[in-house]
Protein backbone atom coordinates (compact mmCIF):
# COMPACT_ATOMS: atom_id res chain seq x y z
CA THR A 1 12.37 10.95 -81.59
CA LYS A 2 13.42 9.10 -84.69
CA ILE A 3 15.86 11.89 -86.48
CA MET A 4 17.77 13.02 -83.50
CA GLY A 5 17.95 9.93 -81.61
CA ARG A 6 16.47 11.31 -78.76
CA THR A 7 13.05 13.40 -76.83
CA PRO A 8 12.61 16.41 -77.32
CA HIS A 9 12.27 16.81 -73.71
CA GLU A 10 16.40 15.55 -73.46
CA VAL A 11 16.78 18.07 -76.42
CA LEU A 12 16.05 21.09 -74.41
CA LEU A 13 17.37 20.01 -71.17
CA LEU A 14 21.27 19.18 -73.17
CA GLN A 15 20.02 22.94 -74.38
CA ARG A 16 19.68 23.94 -71.01
CA LEU A 17 22.94 22.62 -68.94
CA GLN A 18 25.66 23.98 -72.23
CA ALA A 19 23.86 26.66 -71.34
CA ALA A 20 23.93 26.40 -68.03
CA GLN A 21 27.78 25.02 -68.25
CA HIS A 22 29.24 28.04 -70.16
CA LEU A 23 27.33 30.55 -67.25
CA LEU A 24 28.77 28.37 -65.13
CA ILE A 25 32.01 29.73 -67.07
CA THR A 26 31.69 32.95 -68.11
CA SER A 27 30.09 34.56 -64.91
CA ASN A 28 30.60 35.10 -61.36
CA LEU A 29 26.37 34.60 -61.18
CA SER A 30 25.17 32.07 -57.77
CA ILE A 31 23.88 28.33 -58.88
CA GLY A 32 20.35 29.25 -57.83
CA THR A 33 20.82 32.47 -61.06
CA ILE A 34 21.66 30.27 -62.73
CA ALA A 35 18.94 27.98 -62.85
CA GLN A 36 16.50 30.15 -63.23
CA ARG A 37 18.49 31.79 -66.02
CA THR A 38 18.33 28.26 -68.53
CA GLY A 39 15.00 27.64 -67.08
CA PHE A 40 15.18 25.00 -65.03
CA SER A 41 11.75 24.97 -62.46
CA SER A 42 15.06 24.64 -59.36
CA GLN A 43 18.35 25.30 -58.76
CA ALA A 44 18.52 21.57 -57.24
CA TYR A 45 16.44 20.48 -60.28
CA MET A 46 18.73 21.84 -62.43
CA THR A 47 21.63 20.48 -59.68
CA TYR A 48 20.22 17.46 -60.44
CA VAL A 49 19.78 17.30 -63.81
CA PHE A 50 23.38 18.66 -63.69
CA LYS A 51 25.27 15.92 -61.10
CA LYS A 52 23.18 13.10 -63.09
CA SER A 53 25.36 14.21 -66.66
CA MET A 54 28.57 15.56 -66.08
CA GLY A 55 30.10 13.30 -63.10
CA GLU A 56 29.45 16.30 -60.26
CA SER A 57 27.82 19.27 -58.70
CA PRO A 58 27.56 22.76 -61.36
CA SER A 59 29.43 24.02 -58.27
CA GLN A 60 32.20 21.46 -58.54
CA TYR A 61 32.22 21.67 -62.44
CA LYS A 62 32.58 25.60 -61.98
CA LYS A 63 35.59 25.14 -60.03
CA GLN A 64 37.16 22.79 -61.76
CA MET A 65 37.26 24.82 -64.76
CA SER A 66 38.29 27.29 -63.05
CA LEU A 67 41.58 25.63 -62.07
CA LYS A 68 42.00 24.08 -65.57
CA TRP A 69 41.67 28.27 -66.71
CA LEU A 70 43.80 29.15 -64.43
CA GLU A 71 47.00 26.32 -64.89
CA GLY A 72 46.85 26.48 -68.58
């Protein structure tokens, strides 16, 4: 915690969120499958953590990033 400025749990959640973001953008996997593959205990918990951290749900994030990609 002193070195990273975060607890080990926060670091782990951040890594899981980054992996989930990547899969949301680059795959057509369901949010439930992404939650499972990135180590979250459930889709509901991933959605909760994602929204708390990112300010939007995983589905909103995926939609917004898809629109940005299409706009170039």
